[in-house]
């Protein structure tokens, strides 16, 4: 093989590698913080975690943070005696959760179980494949930082009035990808989306008043639907 041929092959491989790197670089996998009240909540969660005695964490966005709002009573009933910590912040996307996990949200703790549900806020900005990469990165972080922790990865909940909603469809596509992360040893995948829907796939405002965030009834459905998995994975 001539030196020219070797040079051309090397150049081609470099070009392919560069193209692949460009194709996989996107904001859903680039950890970043946010500003304003977000910082205060992040710091308050770090302060709670620093006290220890954490057996269960819920990681997510406003839907998870809502356990402290419309879901407060349901949280008390199901998780009040389980040393549970809410690590949800409204508006968060995968990249924000990644930053939080690297900056104190898991410092010094090794929960029995982490319940993860994130990605719906990426659905208007990222391709489903990118959302799935963001979720995958979070799961890898958890495995690295707290290897003894079991992970219950929930499919991103349905949103929008009907199955035709573009953001719901984006979530469904990303869900199908991240479902493959489950090894049923450390990572477990659960899709409870159909529990929120009518037979025709429509979403009721009684369950999600704005077709995204849960009512108290919605939080009851969430808690009851995952309870068998939570109890089992926590070794109860």
Protein backbone atom coordinates (compact mmCIF):
# COMPACT_ATOMS: atom_id res chain seq x y z
CA UNK A 1 0.00 0.00 0.00
CA UNK A 2 1.42 3.38 -1.00
CA UNK A 3 1.94 6.22 1.45
CA UNK A 4 -0.68 8.19 -0.44
CA UNK A 5 -3.23 5.39 0.04
CA UNK A 6 -2.40 5.18 3.75
CA UNK A 7 -2.85 8.93 4.03
CA UNK A 8 -6.23 8.82 2.28
CA UNK A 9 -7.49 5.98 4.50
CA UNK A 10 -6.33 7.77 7.64
CA UNK A 11 -8.00 10.96 6.48
CA UNK A 12 -11.22 9.09 5.77
CA UNK A 13 -11.25 7.45 9.22
CA UNK A 14 -10.59 10.81 10.85
CA UNK A 15 -13.45 12.33 8.90
CA UNK A 16 -15.83 9.52 9.91
CA UNK A 17 -14.82 9.81 13.56
CA UNK A 18 -15.30 13.56 13.43
CA UNK A 19 -18.73 13.17 11.86
CA UNK A 20 -19.76 10.66 14.52
CA UNK A 21 -18.59 12.96 17.30
CA UNK A 22 -20.52 15.84 15.79
CA UNK A 23 -23.62 13.68 15.39
CA UNK A 24 -23.64 12.61 19.05
CA UNK A 25 -22.82 16.00 20.59
CA UNK A 26 -26.00 17.74 21.72
CA UNK A 27 -27.34 19.62 24.72
CA UNK A 28 -29.30 16.70 26.22
CA UNK A 29 -26.01 15.07 27.25
CA UNK A 30 -24.13 18.25 28.16
CA UNK A 31 -24.45 18.83 31.94
CA UNK A 32 -25.41 22.41 32.80
CA UNK A 33 -26.91 24.18 35.83
CA UNK A 34 -29.76 26.67 35.80
CA UNK A 35 -30.22 29.97 37.63
CA UNK A 36 -32.58 31.68 40.05
CA UNK A 37 -34.74 29.61 42.37
CA UNK A 38 -33.32 26.46 40.82
CA UNK A 39 -30.04 27.02 42.65
CA UNK A 40 -31.79 27.41 45.99
CA UNK A 41 -33.74 24.17 45.54
CA UNK A 42 -30.64 22.32 44.38
CA UNK A 43 -28.77 23.47 47.47
CA UNK A 44 -31.67 22.52 49.75
CA UNK A 45 -31.68 19.01 48.31
CA UNK A 46 -27.93 18.75 48.84
CA UNK A 47 -28.41 19.85 52.45
CA UNK A 48 -31.02 17.13 53.02
CA UNK A 49 -28.82 14.48 51.40
CA UNK A 50 -25.87 15.57 53.56
CA UNK A 51 -27.86 14.53 56.65
CA UNK A 52 -27.83 10.92 55.41
CA UNK A 53 -30.51 8.36 56.24
CA UNK A 54 -31.68 8.14 52.61
CA UNK A 55 -33.09 4.83 51.41
CA UNK A 56 -35.19 6.00 48.47
CA UNK A 57 -34.80 8.87 45.99
CA UNK A 58 -37.08 10.11 43.24
CA UNK A 59 -35.15 11.85 40.45
CA UNK A 60 -36.90 14.02 37.88
CA UNK A 61 -38.50 17.30 36.89
CA UNK A 62 -41.66 19.20 37.90
CA UNK A 63 -43.74 16.04 37.81
CA UNK A 64 -41.47 14.60 40.48
CA UNK A 65 -41.26 17.87 42.41
CA UNK A 66 -45.07 17.80 42.44
CA UNK A 67 -44.95 15.11 45.12
CA UNK A 68 -44.55 18.14 47.38
CA UNK A 69 -47.64 19.80 45.92
CA UNK A 70 -50.69 17.91 44.68
CA UNK A 71 -48.98 14.65 45.58
CA UNK A 72 -48.09 15.63 49.15
CA UNK A 73 -50.68 13.45 50.88
CA UNK A 74 -49.94 10.47 48.65
CA UNK A 75 -46.20 10.87 49.32
CA UNK A 76 -46.84 10.86 53.05
CA UNK A 77 -48.95 7.71 52.79
CA UNK A 78 -46.53 5.74 50.60
CA UNK A 79 -43.08 7.14 51.36
CA UNK A 80 -43.33 9.01 54.65
CA UNK A 81 -41.75 6.15 56.60
CA UNK A 82 -39.23 5.07 53.97
CA UNK A 83 -36.49 7.71 54.34
CA UNK A 84 -37.42 9.06 50.92
CA UNK A 85 -35.98 12.20 49.32
CA UNK A 86 -37.48 14.14 46.42
CA UNK A 87 -34.81 15.13 43.89
CA UNK A 88 -37.16 16.72 41.37
CA UNK A 89 -36.91 20.27 40.05
CA UNK A 90 -39.50 21.88 37.83
CA UNK A 91 -38.37 22.58 34.29
CA UNK A 92 -35.37 20.28 34.41
CA UNK A 93 -34.19 18.47 31.33
CA UNK A 94 -31.76 15.58 31.21
CA UNK A 95 -28.73 17.89 31.10
CA UNK A 96 -29.77 19.62 34.32
CA UNK A 97 -30.22 16.36 36.18
CA UNK A 98 -26.80 15.25 34.98
CA UNK A 99 -25.26 18.39 36.46
CA UNK A 100 -27.10 17.94 39.75
CA UNK A 101 -25.92 14.36 40.14
CA UNK A 102 -22.34 15.54 39.65
CA UNK A 103 -22.77 18.37 42.13
CA UNK A 104 -24.08 17.04 45.39
CA UNK A 105 -27.44 15.33 44.91
CA UNK A 106 -25.91 11.92 45.65
CA UNK A 107 -22.97 12.99 47.79
CA UNK A 108 -22.26 10.48 50.54
CA UNK A 109 -25.43 8.40 50.13
CA UNK A 110 -26.19 4.97 48.74
CA UNK A 111 -29.98 4.60 48.59
CA UNK A 112 -31.58 1.21 48.29
CA UNK A 113 -33.58 2.46 45.30
CA UNK A 114 -33.62 5.37 42.85
CA UNK A 115 -36.83 5.99 40.91
CA UNK A 116 -36.02 7.94 37.74
CA UNK A 117 -38.44 9.68 35.38
CA UNK A 118 -37.04 12.44 33.18
CA UNK A 119 -37.08 13.64 29.60
CA UNK A 120 -40.46 15.18 28.88
CA UNK A 121 -39.01 18.72 28.97
CA UNK A 122 -36.55 17.71 26.26
CA UNK A 123 -39.34 16.60 23.93
CA UNK A 124 -39.83 20.02 22.34
CA UNK A 125 -36.11 20.62 21.81
CA UNK A 126 -34.43 17.27 21.17
CA UNK A 127 -34.94 14.27 18.94
CA UNK A 128 -36.17 11.14 20.72
CA UNK A 129 -32.78 9.53 20.17
CA UNK A 130 -31.11 12.47 21.91
CA UNK A 131 -33.53 12.30 24.81
CA UNK A 132 -32.74 8.61 25.17
CA UNK A 133 -29.02 9.41 25.22
CA UNK A 134 -29.63 11.90 28.02
CA UNK A 135 -31.57 9.37 30.08
CA UNK A 136 -28.90 6.75 29.41
CA UNK A 137 -26.20 9.12 30.64
CA UNK A 138 -28.13 9.63 33.89
CA UNK A 139 -28.48 5.89 34.44
CA UNK A 140 -24.74 5.47 33.86
CA UNK A 141 -24.06 8.21 36.42
CA UNK A 142 -26.17 6.43 39.00
CA UNK A 143 -24.42 3.13 38.38
CA UNK A 144 -21.03 4.79 38.79
CA UNK A 145 -21.84 6.92 41.83
CA UNK A 146 -24.05 4.52 43.79
CA UNK A 147 -23.37 1.02 42.43
CA UNK A 148 -25.31 -0.67 45.24
CA UNK A 149 -28.47 1.27 44.42
CA UNK A 150 -31.20 -0.44 42.43
CA UNK A 151 -32.67 1.75 39.69
CA UNK A 152 -36.33 1.79 38.71
CA UNK A 153 -36.41 3.64 35.39
CA UNK A 154 -39.92 4.77 34.54
CA UNK A 155 -41.10 5.43 31.03
CA UNK A 156 -41.75 9.14 30.60
CA UNK A 157 -45.43 9.68 31.26
CA UNK A 158 -47.86 10.38 28.40
CA UNK A 159 -48.78 13.98 27.77
CA UNK A 160 -51.16 15.86 25.49
CA UNK A 161 -54.84 15.13 24.94
CA UNK A 162 -54.46 12.35 22.38
CA UNK A 163 -51.91 9.87 21.01
CA UNK A 164 -51.37 12.28 18.09
CA UNK A 165 -49.63 14.82 20.32
CA UNK A 166 -46.08 15.26 18.90
CA UNK A 167 -44.43 15.51 22.31
CA UNK A 168 -46.19 12.37 23.50
CA UNK A 169 -44.95 10.60 20.41
CA UNK A 170 -41.41 11.81 21.05
CA UNK A 171 -41.61 10.46 24.60
CA UNK A 172 -42.90 7.11 23.38
CA UNK A 173 -40.05 6.77 20.91
CA UNK A 174 -37.41 7.63 23.50
CA UNK A 175 -39.07 5.27 25.97
CA UNK A 176 -38.74 2.39 23.53
CA UNK A 177 -35.00 3.07 23.32
CA UNK A 178 -34.27 3.40 27.04
CA UNK A 179 -36.33 0.30 27.84
CA UNK A 180 -33.34 -1.65 26.56
CA UNK A 181 -31.23 -0.38 29.47
CA UNK A 182 -32.95 -2.80 31.82
CA UNK A 183 -30.81 -5.73 32.90
CA UNK A 184 -33.28 -6.81 35.60
CA UNK A 185 -30.43 -7.08 38.05
CA UNK A 186 -29.57 -3.47 38.83
CA UNK A 187 -31.69 -1.54 36.33
CA UNK A 188 -35.41 -2.19 36.02
CA UNK A 189 -37.72 -0.56 33.49
CA UNK A 190 -41.42 0.05 34.08
CA UNK A 191 -43.97 1.71 31.80
CA UNK A 192 -47.13 2.71 33.67
CA UNK A 193 -48.30 5.18 31.05
CA UNK A 194 -51.46 3.27 30.19
CA UNK A 195 -52.64 3.62 33.80
CA UNK A 196 -53.25 7.31 33.15
CA UNK A 197 -55.10 6.88 29.85
CA UNK A 198 -58.62 6.07 28.73
CA UNK A 199 -59.19 3.09 26.43
CA UNK A 200 -58.92 5.33 23.35
CA UNK A 201 -55.55 6.69 24.48
CA UNK A 202 -56.92 10.06 25.53
CA UNK A 203 -55.68 11.82 28.65
CA UNK A 204 -58.17 13.22 31.14
CA UNK A 205 -57.74 16.58 32.84
CA UNK A 206 -58.94 14.89 36.02
CA UNK A 207 -55.64 13.00 36.02
CA UNK A 208 -53.45 15.68 34.43
CA UNK A 209 -55.17 19.09 34.65
CA UNK A 210 -52.84 20.68 32.09
CA UNK A 211 -52.29 17.41 30.21
CA UNK A 212 -48.78 17.18 31.67
CA UNK A 213 -48.74 17.56 35.47
CA UNK A 214 -50.57 15.18 37.77
CA UNK A 215 -53.55 15.78 40.01
CA UNK A 216 -53.77 14.08 43.41
CA UNK A 217 -55.58 11.27 41.62
CA UNK A 218 -52.68 11.03 39.19
CA UNK A 219 -50.17 10.76 42.02
CA UNK A 220 -52.26 8.03 43.59
CA UNK A 221 -52.15 6.11 40.31
CA UNK A 222 -48.39 6.61 40.12
CA UNK A 223 -47.74 5.41 43.67
CA UNK A 224 -50.07 2.42 43.45
CA UNK A 225 -48.69 1.37 40.05
CA UNK A 226 -45.05 1.26 41.14
CA UNK A 227 -45.58 0.02 44.69
CA UNK A 228 -44.98 -3.69 43.96
CA UNK A 229 -41.67 -2.84 42.28
CA UNK A 230 -40.65 -0.34 44.96
CA UNK A 231 -41.33 -2.78 47.77
CA UNK A 232 -39.50 -5.61 46.07
CA UNK A 233 -36.45 -3.58 45.04
CA UNK A 234 -36.13 -2.06 48.51
CA UNK A 235 -36.07 -5.55 49.96
CA UNK A 236 -39.16 -5.07 52.09
